[in-house]
Amino acid sequence: LIQAPKGDLFMRSADDHRPAAEIKMDVIGRLTHSFGIAKFA
C-alpha cells in the first residue's frame, strides 16, 4: 500500500519469544552464509 520496494519478508514465528536482536541475527546469519553475501547494509 505504501509502495515500499519489492523484497523478501522475514518475520518472527508466532512461538518464537527471543529478543528482536537474536531473531534478526539469525535471519541475517543464515542468509549471508547461504548466499555467500560478502557485504550488506
PDB file of all heavy atoms in Angstrom:
ATOM      1  N   LEU A   1       0.814  -1.212   0.000  1.00  0.00           N
ATOM      2  CA  LEU A   1       0.000   0.000   0.000  1.00  0.00           C
ATOM      3  C   LEU A   1       0.850   1.267   0.000  1.00  0.00           C
ATOM      4  O   LEU A   1       0.527   2.236  -0.684  1.00  0.00           O
ATOM      5  CB  LEU A   1      -0.941  -0.004   1.212  1.00  0.00           C
ATOM      6  CG  LEU A   1      -1.875   1.186   1.336  1.00  0.00           C
ATOM      7  CD1 LEU A   1      -2.933   1.164   0.228  1.00  0.00           C
ATOM      8  CD2 LEU A   1      -2.551   1.176   2.704  1.00  0.00           C
ATOM      9  N   ILE A   2       1.937   1.245   0.745  1.00  0.00           N
ATOM     10  CA  ILE A   2       2.794   2.439   0.814  1.00  0.00           C
ATOM     11  C   ILE A   2       3.857   2.434  -0.285  1.00  0.00           C
ATOM     12  O   ILE A   2       4.731   3.285  -0.304  1.00  0.00           O
ATOM     13  CB  ILE A   2       3.456   2.590   2.194  1.00  0.00           C
ATOM     14  CG1 ILE A   2       4.392   1.420   2.487  1.00  0.00           C
ATOM     15  CG2 ILE A   2       2.402   2.758   3.282  1.00  0.00           C
ATOM     16  CD1 ILE A   2       5.299   1.625   3.673  1.00  0.00           C
ATOM     17  N   GLN A   3       3.767   1.479  -1.173  1.00  0.00           N
ATOM     18  CA  GLN A   3       4.685   1.339  -2.298  1.00  0.00           C
ATOM     19  C   GLN A   3       6.140   1.193  -1.847  1.00  0.00           C
ATOM     20  O   GLN A   3       7.046   1.792  -2.415  1.00  0.00           O
ATOM     21  CB  GLN A   3       4.526   2.517  -3.267  1.00  0.00           C
ATOM     22  CG  GLN A   3       3.138   2.584  -3.854  1.00  0.00           C
ATOM     23  CD  GLN A   3       2.912   3.778  -4.751  1.00  0.00           C
ATOM     24  OE1 GLN A   3       3.561   4.802  -4.629  1.00  0.00           O
ATOM     25  NE2 GLN A   3       1.974   3.620  -5.665  1.00  0.00           N
ATOM     26  N   ALA A   4       6.310   0.383  -0.822  1.00  0.00           N
ATOM     27  CA  ALA A   4       7.671   0.040  -0.396  1.00  0.00           C
ATOM     28  C   ALA A   4       8.296  -0.808  -1.498  1.00  0.00           C
ATOM     29  O   ALA A   4       7.581  -1.518  -2.222  1.00  0.00           O
ATOM     30  CB  ALA A   4       7.627  -0.741   0.917  1.00  0.00           C
ATOM     31  N   PRO A   5       9.612  -0.753  -1.640  1.00  0.00           N
ATOM     32  CA  PRO A   5      10.253  -1.565  -2.681  1.00  0.00           C
ATOM     33  C   PRO A   5       9.951  -3.049  -2.490  1.00  0.00           C
ATOM     34  O   PRO A   5       9.773  -3.528  -1.367  1.00  0.00           O
ATOM     35  CB  PRO A   5      11.746  -1.300  -2.476  1.00  0.00           C
ATOM     36  CG  PRO A   5      11.814  -0.021  -1.734  1.00  0.00           C
ATOM     37  CD  PRO A   5      10.570   0.053  -0.901  1.00  0.00           C
ATOM     38  N   LYS A   6       9.881  -3.770  -3.572  1.00  0.00           N
ATOM     39  CA  LYS A   6       9.684  -5.221  -3.507  1.00  0.00           C
ATOM     40  C   LYS A   6      10.851  -5.838  -2.755  1.00  0.00           C
ATOM     41  O   LYS A   6      11.992  -5.406  -2.890  1.00  0.00           O
ATOM     42  CB  LYS A   6       9.608  -5.825  -4.908  1.00  0.00           C
ATOM     43  CG  LYS A   6       8.463  -5.306  -5.737  1.00  0.00           C
ATOM     44  CD  LYS A   6       7.144  -5.812  -5.225  1.00  0.00           C
ATOM     45  CE  LYS A   6       6.011  -5.349  -6.121  1.00  0.00           C
ATOM     46  NZ  LYS A   6       4.838  -4.997  -5.378  1.00  0.00           N
ATOM     47  N   GLY A   7      10.540  -6.846  -1.965  1.00  0.00           N
ATOM     48  CA  GLY A   7      11.591  -7.528  -1.221  1.00  0.00           C
ATOM     49  C   GLY A   7      11.036  -8.694  -0.446  1.00  0.00           C
ATOM     50  O   GLY A   7       9.824  -8.781  -0.197  1.00  0.00           O
ATOM     51  N   ASP A   8      11.909  -9.590  -0.049  1.00  0.00           N
ATOM     52  CA  ASP A   8      11.512 -10.726   0.776  1.00  0.00           C
ATOM     53  C   ASP A   8      11.198 -10.237   2.184  1.00  0.00           C
ATOM     54  O   ASP A   8      11.788  -9.268   2.660  1.00  0.00           O
ATOM     55  CB  ASP A   8      12.631 -11.767   0.816  1.00  0.00           C
ATOM     56  CG  ASP A   8      12.918 -12.358  -0.552  1.00  0.00           C
ATOM     57  OD1 ASP A   8      11.962 -12.742  -1.236  1.00  0.00           O
ATOM     58  OD2 ASP A   8      14.103 -12.414  -0.934  1.00  0.00           O
ATOM     59  N   LEU A   9      10.282 -10.930   2.861  1.00  0.00           N
ATOM     60  CA  LEU A   9       9.845 -10.561   4.192  1.00  0.00           C
ATOM     61  C   LEU A   9      10.116 -11.708   5.158  1.00  0.00           C
ATOM     62  O   LEU A   9       9.592 -12.804   4.981  1.00  0.00           O
ATOM     63  CB  LEU A   9       8.343 -10.223   4.168  1.00  0.00           C
ATOM     64  CG  LEU A   9       7.657  -9.920   5.489  1.00  0.00           C
ATOM     65  CD1 LEU A   9       8.303  -8.716   6.185  1.00  0.00           C
ATOM     66  CD2 LEU A   9       6.161  -9.675   5.244  1.00  0.00           C
ATOM     67  N   PHE A  10      10.949 -11.442   6.161  1.00  0.00           N
ATOM     68  CA  PHE A  10      11.253 -12.427   7.193  1.00  0.00           C
ATOM     69  C   PHE A  10      10.686 -11.923   8.510  1.00  0.00           C
ATOM     70  O   PHE A  10      10.972 -10.805   8.940  1.00  0.00           O
ATOM     71  CB  PHE A  10      12.764 -12.656   7.311  1.00  0.00           C
ATOM     72  CG  PHE A  10      13.327 -13.403   6.143  1.00  0.00           C
ATOM     73  CD1 PHE A  10      13.686 -12.738   4.988  1.00  0.00           C
ATOM     74  CD2 PHE A  10      13.473 -14.781   6.197  1.00  0.00           C
ATOM     75  CE1 PHE A  10      14.188 -13.426   3.891  1.00  0.00           C
ATOM     76  CE2 PHE A  10      13.963 -15.481   5.111  1.00  0.00           C
ATOM     77  CZ  PHE A  10      14.327 -14.799   3.959  1.00  0.00           C
ATOM     78  N   MET A  11       9.880 -12.786   9.153  1.00  0.00           N
ATOM     79  CA  MET A  11       9.178 -12.423  10.375  1.00  0.00           C
ATOM     80  C   MET A  11       9.424 -13.458  11.468  1.00  0.00           C
ATOM     81  O   MET A  11       9.767 -14.597  11.180  1.00  0.00           O
ATOM     82  CB  MET A  11       7.679 -12.311  10.095  1.00  0.00           C
ATOM     83  CG  MET A  11       7.340 -11.337   8.974  1.00  0.00           C
ATOM     84  SD  MET A  11       5.573 -11.201   8.647  1.00  0.00           S
ATOM     85  CE  MET A  11       5.084 -10.133   9.993  1.00  0.00           C
ATOM     86  N   ARG A  12       9.189 -13.052  12.676  1.00  0.00           N
ATOM     87  CA  ARG A  12       9.274 -13.930  13.846  1.00  0.00           C
ATOM     88  C   ARG A  12       8.160 -14.969  13.763  1.00  0.00           C
ATOM     89  O   ARG A  12       7.030 -14.634  13.419  1.00  0.00           O
ATOM     90  CB  ARG A  12       9.086 -13.069  15.090  1.00  0.00           C
ATOM     91  CG  ARG A  12       8.860 -13.800  16.370  1.00  0.00           C
ATOM     92  CD  ARG A  12       8.302 -12.903  17.479  1.00  0.00           C
ATOM     93  NE  ARG A  12       8.986 -11.666  17.685  1.00  0.00           N
ATOM     94  CZ  ARG A  12       9.938 -11.476  18.601  1.00  0.00           C
ATOM     95  NH1 ARG A  12      10.300 -12.458  19.393  1.00  0.00           N
ATOM     96  NH2 ARG A  12      10.514 -10.310  18.730  1.00  0.00           N
ATOM     97  N   SER A  13       8.456 -16.219  14.060  1.00  0.00           N
ATOM     98  CA  SER A  13       7.372 -17.200  14.133  1.00  0.00           C
ATOM     99  C   SER A  13       6.571 -16.928  15.406  1.00  0.00           C
ATOM    100  O   SER A  13       7.102 -16.414  16.387  1.00  0.00           O
ATOM    101  CB  SER A  13       7.912 -18.627  14.106  1.00  0.00           C
ATOM    102  OG  SER A  13       8.642 -18.900  15.261  1.00  0.00           O
ATOM    103  N   ALA A  14       5.310 -17.270  15.376  1.00  0.00           N
ATOM    104  CA  ALA A  14       4.399 -16.951  16.482  1.00  0.00           C
ATOM    105  C   ALA A  14       4.859 -17.527  17.819  1.00  0.00           C
ATOM    106  O   ALA A  14       4.568 -16.972  18.870  1.00  0.00           O
ATOM    107  CB  ALA A  14       2.997 -17.433  16.154  1.00  0.00           C
ATOM    108  N   ASP A  15       5.592 -18.615  17.801  1.00  0.00           N
ATOM    109  CA  ASP A  15       6.050 -19.232  19.053  1.00  0.00           C
ATOM    110  C   ASP A  15       7.500 -18.881  19.397  1.00  0.00           C
ATOM    111  O   ASP A  15       8.083 -19.479  20.295  1.00  0.00           O
ATOM    112  CB  ASP A  15       5.859 -20.744  18.992  1.00  0.00           C
ATOM    113  CG  ASP A  15       6.660 -21.388  17.869  1.00  0.00           C
ATOM    114  OD1 ASP A  15       7.172 -20.661  16.993  1.00  0.00           O
ATOM    115  OD2 ASP A  15       6.760 -22.629  17.860  1.00  0.00           O
ATOM    116  N   ASP A  16       8.080 -17.916  18.717  1.00  0.00           N
ATOM    117  CA  ASP A  16       9.468 -17.504  18.968  1.00  0.00           C
ATOM    118  C   ASP A  16       9.458 -16.289  19.897  1.00  0.00           C
ATOM    119  O   ASP A  16       8.985 -15.217  19.526  1.00  0.00           O
ATOM    120  CB  ASP A  16      10.151 -17.151  17.641  1.00  0.00           C
ATOM    121  CG  ASP A  16      11.643 -16.934  17.790  1.00  0.00           C
ATOM    122  OD1 ASP A  16      12.127 -16.703  18.920  1.00  0.00           O
ATOM    123  OD2 ASP A  16      12.343 -16.991  16.756  1.00  0.00           O
ATOM    124  N   HIS A  17       9.970 -16.464  21.103  1.00  0.00           N
ATOM    125  CA  HIS A  17       9.916 -15.414  22.120  1.00  0.00           C
ATOM    126  C   HIS A  17      11.272 -14.752  22.349  1.00  0.00           C
ATOM    127  O   HIS A  17      11.451 -14.040  23.331  1.00  0.00           O
ATOM    128  CB  HIS A  17       9.374 -15.990  23.430  1.00  0.00           C
ATOM    129  CG  HIS A  17       8.081 -16.735  23.257  1.00  0.00           C
ATOM    130  ND1 HIS A  17       6.919 -16.109  22.870  1.00  0.00           N
ATOM    131  CD2 HIS A  17       7.788 -18.041  23.362  1.00  0.00           C
ATOM    132  CE1 HIS A  17       5.953 -16.998  22.776  1.00  0.00           C
ATOM    133  NE2 HIS A  17       6.452 -18.182  23.063  1.00  0.00           N
ATOM    134  N   ARG A  18      12.211 -14.971  21.437  1.00  0.00           N
ATOM    135  CA  ARG A  18      13.535 -14.363  21.597  1.00  0.00           C
ATOM    136  C   ARG A  18      13.471 -12.860  21.341  1.00  0.00           C
ATOM    137  O   ARG A  18      12.578 -12.374  20.644  1.00  0.00           O
ATOM    138  CB  ARG A  18      14.531 -14.980  20.615  1.00  0.00           C
ATOM    139  CG  ARG A  18      14.802 -16.450  20.842  1.00  0.00           C
ATOM    140  CD  ARG A  18      15.728 -16.996  19.782  1.00  0.00           C
ATOM    141  NE  ARG A  18      15.056 -16.948  18.463  1.00  0.00           N
ATOM    142  CZ  ARG A  18      15.690 -17.017  17.299  1.00  0.00           C
ATOM    143  NH1 ARG A  18      17.012 -17.113  17.258  1.00  0.00           N
ATOM    144  NH2 ARG A  18      15.021 -16.986  16.170  1.00  0.00           N
ATOM    145  N   PRO A  19      14.457 -12.126  21.851  1.00  0.00           N
ATOM    146  CA  PRO A  19      14.530 -10.690  21.548  1.00  0.00           C
ATOM    147  C   PRO A  19      14.747 -10.464  20.046  1.00  0.00           C
ATOM    148  O   PRO A  19      15.306 -11.319  19.341  1.00  0.00           O
ATOM    149  CB  PRO A  19      15.756 -10.214  22.339  1.00  0.00           C
ATOM    150  CG  PRO A  19      15.987 -11.256  23.381  1.00  0.00           C
ATOM    151  CD  PRO A  19      15.487 -12.551  22.805  1.00  0.00           C
ATOM    152  N   ALA A  20      14.322  -9.301  19.578  1.00  0.00           N
ATOM    153  CA  ALA A  20      14.427  -8.969  18.151  1.00  0.00           C
ATOM    154  C   ALA A  20      15.863  -9.094  17.643  1.00  0.00           C
ATOM    155  O   ALA A  20      16.086  -9.561  16.528  1.00  0.00           O
ATOM    156  CB  ALA A  20      13.903  -7.557  17.903  1.00  0.00           C
ATOM    157  N   ALA A  21      16.835  -8.699  18.452  1.00  0.00           N
ATOM    158  CA  ALA A  21      18.232  -8.771  18.007  1.00  0.00           C
ATOM    159  C   ALA A  21      18.629 -10.209  17.684  1.00  0.00           C
ATOM    160  O   ALA A  21      19.297 -10.464  16.676  1.00  0.00           O
ATOM    161  CB  ALA A  21      19.171  -8.183  19.060  1.00  0.00           C
ATOM    162  N   GLU A  22      18.201 -11.163  18.493  1.00  0.00           N
ATOM    163  CA  GLU A  22      18.526 -12.567  18.239  1.00  0.00           C
ATOM    164  C   GLU A  22      17.845 -13.075  16.976  1.00  0.00           C
ATOM    165  O   GLU A  22      18.454 -13.796  16.176  1.00  0.00           O
ATOM    166  CB  GLU A  22      18.121 -13.442  19.426  1.00  0.00           C
ATOM    167  CG  GLU A  22      19.020 -13.296  20.628  1.00  0.00           C
ATOM    168  CD  GLU A  22      18.597 -14.209  21.763  1.00  0.00           C
ATOM    169  OE1 GLU A  22      18.168 -15.358  21.496  1.00  0.00           O
ATOM    170  OE2 GLU A  22      18.675 -13.765  22.926  1.00  0.00           O
ATOM    171  N   ILE A  23      16.605 -12.707  16.801  1.00  0.00           N
ATOM    172  CA  ILE A  23      15.861 -13.152  15.630  1.00  0.00           C
ATOM    173  C   ILE A  23      16.492 -12.598  14.357  1.00  0.00           C
ATOM    174  O   ILE A  23      16.731 -13.323  13.396  1.00  0.00           O
ATOM    175  CB  ILE A  23      14.383 -12.725  15.744  1.00  0.00           C
ATOM    176  CG1 ILE A  23      13.707 -13.530  16.867  1.00  0.00           C
ATOM    177  CG2 ILE A  23      13.637 -12.888  14.427  1.00  0.00           C
ATOM    178  CD1 ILE A  23      12.397 -12.987  17.319  1.00  0.00           C
ATOM    179  N   LYS A  24      16.790 -11.309  14.369  1.00  0.00           N
ATOM    180  CA  LYS A  24      17.363 -10.677  13.181  1.00  0.00           C
ATOM    181  C   LYS A  24      18.771 -11.196  12.905  1.00  0.00           C
ATOM    182  O   LYS A  24      19.141 -11.406  11.742  1.00  0.00           O
ATOM    183  CB  LYS A  24      17.344  -9.158  13.333  1.00  0.00           C
ATOM    184  CG  LYS A  24      15.915  -8.619  13.299  1.00  0.00           C
ATOM    185  CD  LYS A  24      15.873  -7.129  13.508  1.00  0.00           C
ATOM    186  CE  LYS A  24      14.431  -6.646  13.529  1.00  0.00           C
ATOM    187  NZ  LYS A  24      14.346  -5.190  13.677  1.00  0.00           N
ATOM    188  N   MET A  25      19.556 -11.431  13.944  1.00  0.00           N
ATOM    189  CA  MET A  25      20.895 -12.002  13.767  1.00  0.00           C
ATOM    190  C   MET A  25      20.794 -13.385  13.137  1.00  0.00           C
ATOM    191  O   MET A  25      21.608 -13.744  12.275  1.00  0.00           O
ATOM    192  CB  MET A  25      21.633 -12.092  15.097  1.00  0.00           C
ATOM    193  CG  MET A  25      22.195 -10.771  15.574  1.00  0.00           C
ATOM    194  SD  MET A  25      23.539 -10.197  14.535  1.00  0.00           S
ATOM    195  CE  MET A  25      24.720 -11.494  14.796  1.00  0.00           C
ATOM    196  N   ASP A  26      19.819 -14.159  13.560  1.00  0.00           N
ATOM    197  CA  ASP A  26      19.613 -15.496  12.997  1.00  0.00           C
ATOM    198  C   ASP A  26      19.305 -15.419  11.506  1.00  0.00           C
ATOM    199  O   ASP A  26      19.912 -16.120  10.700  1.00  0.00           O
ATOM    200  CB  ASP A  26      18.485 -16.205  13.757  1.00  0.00           C
ATOM    201  CG  ASP A  26      18.252 -17.620  13.276  1.00  0.00           C
ATOM    202  OD1 ASP A  26      19.236 -18.357  13.078  1.00  0.00           O
ATOM    203  OD2 ASP A  26      17.074 -17.989  13.100  1.00  0.00           O
ATOM    204  N   VAL A  27      18.359 -14.548  11.133  1.00  0.00           N
ATOM    205  CA  VAL A  27      17.984 -14.406   9.720  1.00  0.00           C
ATOM    206  C   VAL A  27      19.172 -13.910   8.897  1.00  0.00           C
ATOM    207  O   VAL A  27      19.506 -14.486   7.855  1.00  0.00           O
ATOM    208  CB  VAL A  27      16.780 -13.443   9.560  1.00  0.00           C
ATOM    209  CG1 VAL A  27      16.552 -13.079   8.095  1.00  0.00           C
ATOM    210  CG2 VAL A  27      15.526 -14.046  10.169  1.00  0.00           C
ATOM    211  N   ILE A  28      19.817 -12.861   9.367  1.00  0.00           N
ATOM    212  CA  ILE A  28      20.945 -12.285   8.627  1.00  0.00           C
ATOM    213  C   ILE A  28      22.084 -13.291   8.522  1.00  0.00           C
ATOM    214  O   ILE A  28      22.681 -13.459   7.451  1.00  0.00           O
ATOM    215  CB  ILE A  28      21.404 -10.966   9.282  1.00  0.00           C
ATOM    216  CG1 ILE A  28      20.313  -9.901   9.102  1.00  0.00           C
ATOM    217  CG2 ILE A  28      22.741 -10.501   8.706  1.00  0.00           C
ATOM    218  CD1 ILE A  28      20.523  -8.638   9.929  1.00  0.00           C
ATOM    219  N   GLY A  29      22.366 -13.994   9.602  1.00  0.00           N
ATOM    220  CA  GLY A  29      23.426 -15.010   9.576  1.00  0.00           C
ATOM    221  C   GLY A  29      23.142 -16.122   8.586  1.00  0.00           C
ATOM    222  O   GLY A  29      24.017 -16.516   7.812  1.00  0.00           O
ATOM    223  N   ARG A  30      21.918 -16.641   8.610  1.00  0.00           N
ATOM    224  CA  ARG A  30      21.548 -17.720   7.686  1.00  0.00           C
ATOM    225  C   ARG A  30      21.639 -17.267   6.229  1.00  0.00           C
ATOM    226  O   ARG A  30      22.176 -17.972   5.376  1.00  0.00           O
ATOM    227  CB  ARG A  30      20.140 -18.234   7.971  1.00  0.00           C
ATOM    228  CG  ARG A  30      20.057 -19.190   9.144  1.00  0.00           C
ATOM    229  CD  ARG A  30      18.673 -19.791   9.321  1.00  0.00           C
ATOM    230  NE  ARG A  30      17.715 -18.777   9.775  1.00  0.00           N
ATOM    231  CZ  ARG A  30      16.608 -18.432   9.116  1.00  0.00           C
ATOM    232  NH1 ARG A  30      16.288 -19.016   7.988  1.00  0.00           N
ATOM    233  NH2 ARG A  30      15.802 -17.506   9.590  1.00  0.00           N
ATOM    234  N   LEU A  31      21.107 -16.083   5.938  1.00  0.00           N
ATOM    235  CA  LEU A  31      21.079 -15.617   4.552  1.00  0.00           C
ATOM    236  C   LEU A  31      22.468 -15.260   4.030  1.00  0.00           C
ATOM    237  O   LEU A  31      22.799 -15.600   2.895  1.00  0.00           O
ATOM    238  CB  LEU A  31      20.130 -14.425   4.406  1.00  0.00           C
ATOM    239  CG  LEU A  31      18.648 -14.743   4.607  1.00  0.00           C
ATOM    240  CD1 LEU A  31      17.806 -13.483   4.523  1.00  0.00           C
ATOM    241  CD2 LEU A  31      18.166 -15.775   3.602  1.00  0.00           C
ATOM    242  N   THR A  32      23.258 -14.602   4.850  1.00  0.00           N
ATOM    243  CA  THR A  32      24.600 -14.246   4.375  1.00  0.00           C
ATOM    244  C   THR A  32      25.449 -15.499   4.163  1.00  0.00           C
ATOM    245  O   THR A  32      26.222 -15.569   3.220  1.00  0.00           O
ATOM    246  CB  THR A  32      25.312 -13.274   5.342  1.00  0.00           C
ATOM    247  OG1 THR A  32      25.361 -13.835   6.657  1.00  0.00           O
ATOM    248  CG2 THR A  32      24.619 -11.921   5.368  1.00  0.00           C
ATOM    249  N   HIS A  33      25.266 -16.490   5.031  1.00  0.00           N
ATOM    250  CA  HIS A  33      26.008 -17.748   4.882  1.00  0.00           C
ATOM    251  C   HIS A  33      25.513 -18.535   3.663  1.00  0.00           C
ATOM    252  O   HIS A  33      26.303 -18.986   2.839  1.00  0.00           O
ATOM    253  CB  HIS A  33      25.885 -18.585   6.152  1.00  0.00           C
ATOM    254  CG  HIS A  33      26.575 -19.907   6.059  1.00  0.00           C
ATOM    255  ND1 HIS A  33      27.945 -20.024   6.120  1.00  0.00           N
ATOM    256  CD2 HIS A  33      26.090 -21.159   5.873  1.00  0.00           C
ATOM    257  CE1 HIS A  33      28.272 -21.303   5.982  1.00  0.00           C
ATOM    258  NE2 HIS A  33      27.160 -22.012   5.834  1.00  0.00           N
ATOM    259  N   SER A  34      24.196 -18.695   3.551  1.00  0.00           N
ATOM    260  CA  SER A  34      23.623 -19.489   2.456  1.00  0.00           C
ATOM    261  C   SER A  34      23.936 -18.932   1.078  1.00  0.00           C
ATOM    262  O   SER A  34      24.194 -19.679   0.142  1.00  0.00           O
ATOM    263  CB  SER A  34      22.100 -19.570   2.595  1.00  0.00           C
ATOM    264  OG  SER A  34      21.758 -20.282   3.749  1.00  0.00           O
ATOM    265  N   PHE A  35      23.915 -17.609   0.972  1.00  0.00           N
ATOM    266  CA  PHE A  35      24.103 -16.984  -0.336  1.00  0.00           C
ATOM    267  C   PHE A  35      25.502 -16.409  -0.524  1.00  0.00           C
ATOM    268  O   PHE A  35      25.766 -15.762  -1.539  1.00  0.00           O
ATOM    269  CB  PHE A  35      23.036 -15.910  -0.575  1.00  0.00           C
ATOM    270  CG  PHE A  35      21.649 -16.469  -0.608  1.00  0.00           C
ATOM    271  CD1 PHE A  35      20.741 -16.177   0.391  1.00  0.00           C
ATOM    272  CD2 PHE A  35      21.252 -17.327  -1.634  1.00  0.00           C
ATOM    273  CE1 PHE A  35      19.458 -16.705   0.375  1.00  0.00           C
ATOM    274  CE2 PHE A  35      19.973 -17.860  -1.658  1.00  0.00           C
ATOM    275  CZ  PHE A  35      19.076 -17.552  -0.654  1.00  0.00           C
ATOM    276  N   GLY A  36      26.377 -16.627   0.436  1.00  0.00           N
ATOM    277  CA  GLY A  36      27.745 -16.141   0.315  1.00  0.00           C
ATOM    278  C   GLY A  36      27.819 -14.629   0.146  1.00  0.00           C
ATOM    279  O   GLY A  36      28.610 -14.123  -0.649  1.00  0.00           O
ATOM    280  N   ILE A  37      27.002 -13.922   0.886  1.00  0.00           N
ATOM    281  CA  ILE A  37      26.961 -12.463   0.783  1.00  0.00           C
ATOM    282  C   ILE A  37      28.192 -11.877   1.467  1.00  0.00           C
ATOM    283  O   ILE A  37      28.422 -12.094   2.654  1.00  0.00           O
ATOM    284  CB  ILE A  37      25.672 -11.908   1.419  1.00  0.00           C
ATOM    285  CG1 ILE A  37      24.454 -12.467   0.696  1.00  0.00           C
ATOM    286  CG2 ILE A  37      25.670 -10.384   1.428  1.00  0.00           C
ATOM    287  CD1 ILE A  37      23.145 -12.211   1.397  1.00  0.00           C
ATOM    288  N   ALA A  38      28.970 -11.133   0.702  1.00  0.00           N
ATOM    289  CA  ALA A  38      30.194 -10.550   1.237  1.00  0.00           C
ATOM    290  C   ALA A  38      29.923  -9.252   1.991  1.00  0.00           C
ATOM    291  O   ALA A  38      30.455  -9.036   3.078  1.00  0.00           O
ATOM    292  CB  ALA A  38      31.191 -10.295   0.108  1.00  0.00           C
ATOM    293  N   LYS A  39      29.107  -8.382   1.414  1.00  0.00           N
ATOM    294  CA  LYS A  39      28.806  -7.098   2.039  1.00  0.00           C
ATOM    295  C   LYS A  39      27.306  -6.882   2.027  1.00  0.00           C
ATOM    296  O   LYS A  39      26.618  -7.289   1.096  1.00  0.00           O
ATOM    297  CB  LYS A  39      29.473  -5.957   1.274  1.00  0.00           C
ATOM    298  CG  LYS A  39      30.970  -5.964   1.365  1.00  0.00           C
ATOM    299  CD  LYS A  39      31.534  -4.757   0.652  1.00  0.00           C
ATOM    300  CE  LYS A  39      33.056  -4.800   0.731  1.00  0.00           C
ATOM    301  NZ  LYS A  39      33.650  -3.662   0.056  1.00  0.00           N
ATOM    302  N   PHE A  40      26.823  -6.217   3.068  1.00  0.00           N
ATOM    303  CA  PHE A  40      25.408  -5.893   3.136  1.00  0.00           C
ATOM    304  C   PHE A  40      25.223  -4.663   4.001  1.00  0.00           C
ATOM    305  O   PHE A  40      26.147  -4.231   4.690  1.00  0.00           O
ATOM    306  CB  PHE A  40      24.585  -7.073   3.676  1.00  0.00           C
ATOM    307  CG  PHE A  40      24.869  -7.434   5.100  1.00  0.00           C
ATOM    308  CD1 PHE A  40      24.156  -6.848   6.140  1.00  0.00           C
ATOM    309  CD2 PHE A  40      25.849  -8.372   5.413  1.00  0.00           C
ATOM    310  CE1 PHE A  40      24.415  -7.191   7.463  1.00  0.00           C
ATOM    311  CE2 PHE A  40      26.113  -8.719   6.726  1.00  0.00           C
ATOM    312  CZ  PHE A  40      25.393  -8.125   7.752  1.00  0.00           C
ATOM    313  N   ALA A  41      24.025  -4.117   3.960  1.00  0.00           N
ATOM    314  CA  ALA A  41      23.671  -2.978   4.810  1.00  0.00           C
ATOM    315  C   ALA A  41      22.470  -3.357   5.665  1.00  0.00           C
ATOM    316  O   ALA A  41      21.656  -4.200   5.270  1.00  0.00           O
ATOM    317  CB  ALA A  41      23.354  -1.759   3.965  1.00  0.00           C
TER     318      ALA A  41
END
